[in-house]
C-alpha atoms as a PDB file:
ATOM      1  CA  UNK A   1     -38.886  27.702  -9.070  1.00  0.00           C
ATOM      2  CA  UNK A   2     -38.488  26.501 -12.437  1.00  0.00           C
ATOM      3  CA  UNK A   3     -36.227  29.240 -13.643  1.00  0.00           C
ATOM      4  CA  UNK A   4     -33.304  28.298 -10.647  1.00  0.00           C
ATOM      5  CA  UNK A   5     -33.484  24.329 -12.461  1.00  0.00           C
ATOM      6  CA  UNK A   6     -31.090  23.367 -13.938  1.00  0.00           C
ATOM      7  CA  UNK A   7     -31.401  20.983 -16.302  1.00  0.00           C
ATOM      8  CA  UNK A   8     -29.181  18.827 -18.233  1.00  0.00           C
ATOM      9  CA  UNK A   9     -29.663  16.635 -21.434  1.00  0.00           C
ATOM     10  CA  UNK A  10     -28.279  13.312 -23.747  1.00  0.00           C
ATOM     11  CA  UNK A  11     -26.878  14.308 -27.139  1.00  0.00           C
ATOM     12  CA  UNK A  12     -26.128  10.315 -28.337  1.00  0.00           C
ATOM     13  CA  UNK A  13     -23.607   8.999 -25.387  1.00  0.00           C
ATOM     14  CA  UNK A  14     -22.725  12.473 -24.140  1.00  0.00           C
ATOM     15  CA  UNK A  15     -24.296  14.596 -21.303  1.00  0.00           C
ATOM     16  CA  UNK A  16     -25.050  17.934 -21.478  1.00  0.00           C
ATOM     17  CA  UNK A  17     -25.703  20.888 -19.726  1.00  0.00           C
ATOM     18  CA  UNK A  18     -26.176  22.390 -16.955  1.00  0.00           C
ATOM     19  CA  UNK A  19     -28.893  24.764 -18.729  1.00  0.00           C
ATOM     20  CA  UNK A  20     -31.341  27.063 -17.049  1.00  0.00           C
ATOM     21  CA  UNK A  21     -35.058  26.937 -18.780  1.00  0.00           C
ATOM     22  CA  UNK A  22     -33.977  29.494 -21.145  1.00  0.00           C
ATOM     23  CA  UNK A  23     -30.829  28.477 -22.571  1.00  0.00           C
ATOM     24  CA  UNK A  24     -32.981  24.705 -22.595  1.00  0.00           C
ATOM     25  CA  UNK A  25     -35.110  26.251 -24.989  1.00  0.00           C
ATOM     26  CA  UNK A  26     -32.307  27.632 -27.704  1.00  0.00           C
ATOM     27  CA  UNK A  27     -31.443  23.811 -28.052  1.00  0.00           C
ATOM     28  CA  UNK A  28     -33.364  21.337 -30.855  1.00  0.00           C
ATOM     29  CA  UNK A  29     -34.586  18.733 -28.131  1.00  0.00           C
ATOM     30  CA  UNK A  30     -37.515  16.006 -29.419  1.00  0.00           C
ATOM     31  CA  UNK A  31     -39.956  14.348 -26.644  1.00  0.00           C
ATOM     32  CA  UNK A  32     -37.741  11.787 -26.452  1.00  0.00           C
ATOM     33  CA  UNK A  33     -35.235  13.601 -25.569  1.00  0.00           C
ATOM     34  CA  UNK A  34     -33.714  12.382 -22.241  1.00  0.00           C
ATOM     35  CA  UNK A  35     -33.012  15.027 -20.001  1.00  0.00           C
ATOM     36  CA  UNK A  36     -33.014  15.541 -16.038  1.00  0.00           C
ATOM     37  CA  UNK A  37     -33.063  17.336 -12.966  1.00  0.00           C
ATOM     38  CA  UNK A  38     -32.398  17.957  -9.452  1.00  0.00           C
ATOM     39  CA  UNK A  39     -35.119  16.088  -8.163  1.00  0.00           C
ATOM     40  CA  UNK A  40     -36.053  13.651 -10.783  1.00  0.00           C
ATOM     41  CA  UNK A  41     -34.920   9.986  -9.349  1.00  0.00           C
ATOM     42  CA  UNK A  42     -33.520   9.075 -13.258  1.00  0.00           C
ATOM     43  CA  UNK A  43     -33.091  10.006 -16.718  1.00  0.00           C
ATOM     44  CA  UNK A  44     -36.247  10.440 -18.314  1.00  0.00           C
ATOM     45  CA  UNK A  45     -37.667  11.685 -21.830  1.00  0.00           C
ATOM     46  CA  UNK A  46     -38.161  15.652 -22.181  1.00  0.00           C
ATOM     47  CA  UNK A  47     -42.330  14.661 -22.506  1.00  0.00           C
ATOM     48  CA  UNK A  48     -42.234  13.312 -19.131  1.00  0.00           C
ATOM     49  CA  UNK A  49     -41.640  16.635 -17.820  1.00  0.00           C
ATOM     50  CA  UNK A  50     -44.095  18.687 -17.115  1.00  0.00           C
ATOM     51  CA  UNK A  51     -42.545  22.200 -17.073  1.00  0.00           C
ATOM     52  CA  UNK A  52     -40.309  21.022 -20.601  1.00  0.00           C
ATOM     53  CA  UNK A  53     -43.457  19.889 -22.171  1.00  0.00           C
ATOM     54  CA  UNK A  54     -45.161  23.164 -21.906  1.00  0.00           C
ATOM     55  CA  UNK A  55     -42.139  24.626 -23.180  1.00  0.00           C
ATOM     56  CA  UNK A  56     -41.763  21.997 -26.510  1.00  0.00           C
ATOM     57  CA  UNK A  57     -45.295  21.213 -27.025  1.00  0.00           C
ATOM     58  CA  UNK A  58     -45.485  24.012 -29.174  1.00  0.00           C
ATOM     59  CA  UNK A  59     -42.604  22.435 -31.854  1.00  0.00           C
ATOM     60  CA  UNK A  60     -44.716  18.970 -31.651  1.00  0.00           C
ATOM     61  CA  UNK A  61     -47.513  18.299 -34.146  1.00  0.00           C
ATOM     62  CA  UNK A  62     -49.224  15.407 -31.942  1.00  0.00           C
ATOM     63  CA  UNK A  63     -47.872  14.764 -28.789  1.00  0.00           C
ATOM     64  CA  UNK A  64     -46.204  11.532 -28.076  1.00  0.00           C
ATOM     65  CA  UNK A  65     -47.378   8.868 -25.817  1.00  0.00           C
ATOM     66  CA  UNK A  66     -45.320   8.967 -22.397  1.00  0.00           C
ATOM     67  CA  UNK A  67     -41.561   7.484 -22.544  1.00  0.00           C
ATOM     68  CA  UNK A  68     -41.298   4.714 -19.888  1.00  0.00           C
ATOM     69  CA  UNK A  69     -38.817   6.162 -17.307  1.00  0.00           C
ATOM     70  CA  UNK A  70     -35.535   5.007 -18.290  1.00  0.00           C
ATOM     71  CA  UNK A  71     -33.918   2.720 -14.737  1.00  0.00           C
ATOM     72  CA  UNK A  72     -30.603   4.005 -14.550  1.00  0.00           C
ATOM     73  CA  UNK A  73     -28.209   7.229 -15.669  1.00  0.00           C
ATOM     74  CA  UNK A  74     -25.943   7.514 -18.719  1.00  0.00           C
ATOM     75  CA  UNK A  75     -23.462   5.562 -18.087  1.00  0.00           C
ATOM     76  CA  UNK A  76     -19.857   7.639 -17.475  1.00  0.00           C
ATOM     77  CA  UNK A  77     -16.771   6.101 -18.100  1.00  0.00           C
ATOM     78  CA  UNK A  78     -15.351   4.183 -15.069  1.00  0.00           C
ATOM     79  CA  UNK A  79     -11.688   5.881 -13.089  1.00  0.00           C
ATOM     80  CA  UNK A  80      -9.058   3.914 -13.776  1.00  0.00           C
ATOM     81  CA  UNK A  81      -7.869   2.155 -10.412  1.00  0.00           C
ATOM     82  CA  UNK A  82      -5.171   3.305  -8.412  1.00  0.00           C
ATOM     83  CA  UNK A  83      -1.779   1.967  -8.930  1.00  0.00           C
ATOM     84  CA  UNK A  84       0.426   0.884  -6.033  1.00  0.00           C
ATOM     85  CA  UNK A  85       3.583   2.989  -6.798  1.00  0.00           C
ATOM     86  CA  UNK A  86       5.286   1.712  -3.314  1.00  0.00           C
ATOM     87  CA  UNK A  87       6.011  -1.796  -5.138  1.00  0.00           C
ATOM     88  CA  UNK A  88       5.003  -0.897  -8.738  1.00  0.00           C
ATOM     89  CA  UNK A  89       6.347  -4.488 -10.000  1.00  0.00           C
ATOM     90  CA  UNK A  90       3.202  -5.847  -7.515  1.00  0.00           C
ATOM     91  CA  UNK A  91       6.125  -9.060  -6.207  1.00  0.00           C
ATOM     92  CA  UNK A  92       7.952  -9.367  -3.422  1.00  0.00           C
ATOM     93  CA  UNK A  93      10.074  -5.878  -2.283  1.00  0.00           C
ATOM     94  CA  UNK A  94      13.813  -5.994  -3.357  1.00  0.00           C
ATOM     95  CA  UNK A  95      16.114  -7.080  -0.659  1.00  0.00           C
ATOM     96  CA  UNK A  96      19.234  -4.605   0.983  1.00  0.00           C
ATOM     97  CA  UNK A  97      21.616  -6.851  -0.121  1.00  0.00           C
ATOM     98  CA  UNK A  98      20.324  -6.331  -3.922  1.00  0.00           C
ATOM     99  CA  UNK A  99      19.610  -2.774  -3.793  1.00  0.00           C
ATOM    100  CA  UNK A 100      23.288  -2.697  -1.735  1.00  0.00           C
ATOM    101  CA  UNK A 101      24.847  -4.259  -4.501  1.00  0.00           C
ATOM    102  CA  UNK A 102      23.301  -2.370  -7.428  1.00  0.00           C
ATOM    103  CA  UNK A 103      24.757   0.847  -5.481  1.00  0.00           C
ATOM    104  CA  UNK A 104      28.340  -0.095  -4.988  1.00  0.00           C
ATOM    105  CA  UNK A 105      28.235  -1.171  -8.492  1.00  0.00           C
ATOM    106  CA  UNK A 106      26.863   2.152  -9.797  1.00  0.00           C
ATOM    107  CA  UNK A 107      29.437   3.732  -7.381  1.00  0.00           C
ATOM    108  CA  UNK A 108      32.729   1.828  -8.556  1.00  0.00           C
ATOM    109  CA  UNK A 109      32.734   3.490 -11.310  1.00  0.00           C
ATOM    110  CA  UNK A 110      33.006   7.080 -10.794  1.00  0.00           C
ATOM    111  CA  UNK A 111      35.871   6.388  -7.768  1.00  0.00           C
ATOM    112  CA  UNK A 112      38.197   6.097 -10.965  1.00  0.00           C
ATOM    113  CA  UNK A 113      37.890   9.436 -11.379  1.00  0.00           C
ATOM    114  CA  UNK A 114      38.970  10.652  -8.091  1.00  0.00           C
ATOM    115  CA  UNK A 115      43.083  11.101  -8.487  1.00  0.00           C
ATOM    116  CA  UNK A 116      45.839   9.012  -7.014  1.00  0.00           C
ATOM    117  CA  UNK A 117      43.395   6.480  -4.615  1.00  0.00           C
ATOM    118  CA  UNK A 118      40.594   5.508  -7.704  1.00  0.00           C
ATOM    119  CA  UNK A 119      42.228   2.466  -7.868  1.00  0.00           C
ATOM    120  CA  UNK A 120      42.499   1.629  -3.608  1.00  0.00           C
ATOM    121  CA  UNK A 121      38.799   2.800  -3.317  1.00  0.00           C
ATOM    122  CA  UNK A 122      36.986   0.946  -6.255  1.00  0.00           C
ATOM    123  CA  UNK A 123      38.729  -2.153  -6.199  1.00  0.00           C
ATOM    124  CA  UNK A 124      37.198  -2.507  -2.624  1.00  0.00           C
ATOM    125  CA  UNK A 125      33.719  -1.134  -3.865  1.00  0.00           C
ATOM    126  CA  UNK A 126      33.539  -3.580  -6.720  1.00  0.00           C
ATOM    127  CA  UNK A 127      34.309  -6.387  -4.910  1.00  0.00           C
ATOM    128  CA  UNK A 128      31.856  -5.825  -2.327  1.00  0.00           C
ATOM    129  CA  UNK A 129      29.001  -5.535  -4.924  1.00  0.00           C
ATOM    130  CA  UNK A 130      30.236  -8.865  -6.545  1.00  0.00           C
ATOM    131  CA  UNK A 131      29.413 -10.625  -3.143  1.00  0.00           C
ATOM    132  CA  UNK A 132      26.368  -8.489  -2.279  1.00  0.00           C
ATOM    133  CA  UNK A 133      24.996  -9.740  -5.324  1.00  0.00           C
ATOM    134  CA  UNK A 134      25.979 -12.821  -4.943  1.00  0.00           C
ATOM    135  CA  UNK A 135      24.760 -13.518  -1.084  1.00  0.00           C
ATOM    136  CA  UNK A 136      21.393 -11.795  -2.307  1.00  0.00           C
ATOM    137  CA  UNK A 137      20.658 -13.829  -5.335  1.00  0.00           C
ATOM    138  CA  UNK A 138      21.370 -16.986  -2.743  1.00  0.00           C
ATOM    139  CA  UNK A 139      18.443 -15.424  -0.650  1.00  0.00           C
ATOM    140  CA  UNK A 140      16.456 -14.537  -3.849  1.00  0.00           C
ATOM    141  CA  UNK A 141      16.261 -18.032  -4.801  1.00  0.00           C
ATOM    142  CA  UNK A 142      16.243 -20.201  -0.971  1.00  0.00           C
ATOM    143  CA  UNK A 143      13.399 -17.177   0.224  1.00  0.00           C
ATOM    144  CA  UNK A 144      11.456 -16.002  -2.715  1.00  0.00           C
ATOM    145  CA  UNK A 145      12.665 -12.441  -1.791  1.00  0.00           C
ATOM    146  CA  UNK A 146      12.471  -9.590  -4.276  1.00  0.00           C
ATOM    147  CA  UNK A 147      15.382  -7.960  -5.778  1.00  0.00           C
ATOM    148  CA  UNK A 148      17.217 -10.772  -8.636  1.00  0.00           C
ATOM    149  CA  UNK A 149      17.523  -8.569 -11.163  1.00  0.00           C
ATOM    150  CA  UNK A 150      18.995  -5.572  -8.961  1.00  0.00           C
ATOM    151  CA  UNK A 151      21.139  -7.891  -7.277  1.00  0.00           C
ATOM    152  CA  UNK A 152      21.930  -9.359 -10.917  1.00  0.00           C
ATOM    153  CA  UNK A 153      22.752  -5.521 -12.276  1.00  0.00           C
ATOM    154  CA  UNK A 154      25.116  -4.884  -9.030  1.00  0.00           C
ATOM    155  CA  UNK A 155      27.261  -8.510  -9.628  1.00  0.00           C
ATOM    156  CA  UNK A 156      27.267  -7.817 -13.120  1.00  0.00           C
ATOM    157  CA  UNK A 157      28.847  -3.552 -12.651  1.00  0.00           C
ATOM    158  CA  UNK A 158      30.884  -5.352 -10.078  1.00  0.00           C
ATOM    159  CA  UNK A 159      32.431  -8.090 -12.155  1.00  0.00           C
ATOM    160  CA  UNK A 160      32.957  -5.681 -14.559  1.00  0.00           C
ATOM    161  CA  UNK A 161      34.688  -2.556 -12.608  1.00  0.00           C
ATOM    162  CA  UNK A 162      37.264  -6.050 -11.436  1.00  0.00           C
ATOM    163  CA  UNK A 163      38.044  -7.005 -15.613  1.00  0.00           C
ATOM    164  CA  UNK A 164      38.898  -2.633 -15.631  1.00  0.00           C
ATOM    165  CA  UNK A 165      41.023  -2.939 -12.393  1.00  0.00           C
ATOM    166  CA  UNK A 166      43.090  -6.123 -13.645  1.00  0.00           C
ATOM    167  CA  UNK A 167      43.638  -4.441 -17.077  1.00  0.00           C
ATOM    168  CA  UNK A 168      45.200  -1.426 -15.771  1.00  0.00           C
ATOM    169  CA  UNK A 169      47.207  -3.107 -13.627  1.00  0.00           C
ATOM    170  CA  UNK A 170      48.029  -5.393 -16.421  1.00  0.00           C
ATOM    171  CA  UNK A 171      48.927  -2.279 -18.828  1.00  0.00           C
ATOM    172  CA  UNK A 172      50.522  -0.695 -15.699  1.00  0.00           C
ATOM    173  CA  UNK A 173      52.934  -3.443 -15.574  1.00  0.00           C
ATOM    174  CA  UNK A 174      53.622  -4.225 -19.224  1.00  0.00           C
ATOM    175  CA  UNK A 175      54.039  -0.774 -19.610  1.00  0.00           C
ATOM    176  CA  UNK A 176      56.937  -0.267 -16.158  1.00  0.00           C
ATOM    177  CA  UNK A 177      58.454  -3.347 -18.469  1.00  0.00           C
ATOM    178  CA  UNK A 178      59.021  -1.697 -21.246  1.00  0.00           C
ATOM    179  CA  UNK A 179      60.495   1.188 -20.283  1.00  0.00           C
ATOM    180  CA  UNK A 180      63.119  -1.280 -17.942  1.00  0.00           C
ATOM    181  CA  UNK A 181      63.934  -2.788 -21.065  1.00  0.00           C
ATOM    182  CA  UNK A 182      63.967   0.316 -23.401  1.00  0.00           C
ATOM    183  CA  UNK A 183      66.262   2.138 -20.583  1.00  0.00           C
ATOM    184  CA  UNK A 184      69.477   2.371 -21.647  1.00  0.00           C
ATOM    185  CA  UNK A 185      72.001  -0.218 -19.451  1.00  0.00           C
ATOM    186  CA  UNK A 186      75.407   1.646 -17.922  1.00  0.00           C
ATOM    187  CA  UNK A 187      77.619   2.323 -20.439  1.00  0.00           C
ATOM    188  CA  UNK A 188      81.343   0.680 -18.757  1.00  0.00           C
ATOM    189  CA  UNK A 189      83.739   3.010 -18.267  1.00  0.00           C
ATOM    190  CA  UNK A 190      86.633   4.002 -20.302  1.00  0.00           C
ATOM    191  CA  UNK A 191      89.137   1.979 -20.135  1.00  0.00           C
ATOM    192  CA  UNK A 192      92.955   4.187 -20.494  1.00  0.00           C
ATOM    193  CA  UNK A 193      95.557   2.236 -22.351  1.00  0.00           C
ATOM    194  CA  UNK A 194      99.103   1.917 -20.690  1.00  0.00           C
ATOM    195  CA  UNK A 195     102.069   1.546 -23.110  1.00  0.00           C
END
C-alpha cells in the first residue's frame, strides 16, 4: 500500500512533491519535517507517520518524542479577486449621449480628408458632437449618470473641429480677397487721336 502513496513535504514555506516512498528516501528529511499524504487529516511531523518513521529512523540516533499535529495545512497564497471587466471604473455606466459625443468628435477629423465634401460632412458631425457633449454633461450632473469624462472629450473634439472649420473658411476668404486685389484691372481701350 505504501508504494502507491504519494508524499509531500514542507521545505521552509514551500510545498515539495509528490514523491513516492523510494523518491522520498533521497531527501534529507528530519523527524520534525512536516509531511502529508492522502489519508492524513492534516500536515504532520514525519515522526508521526509510521511508514516514514520506519524508513528514516535509521538516520536518527535518538527517537524524538512525537510532535503534535498541525491544525491547518501550510497556507497558500489566495488567488487574486476577479475583476469586473464590464465596468472597470466601478461607477455608473457611461450614458449613450456621452459615447455618441466622443464618436462624433473623433469621426469629424478624418472627414477632412474626403475630397470636395469634407467640410460639408465634418461641420455637422462637429456640431452634433458639441450638442451631445453639452447635453450628456448636463444629464450627468442632474441624474448622476456616468461618462462625464467621455462627454468632455467629445465636446473638446467638436470645439476643436469647429475652430478648424472657421480657420479654413477665414483662410479661403482671405485668399479670395488677395487674389481679387492682385488681379490686373481691365486696361482702358486705346484712344485714337483725331487730327
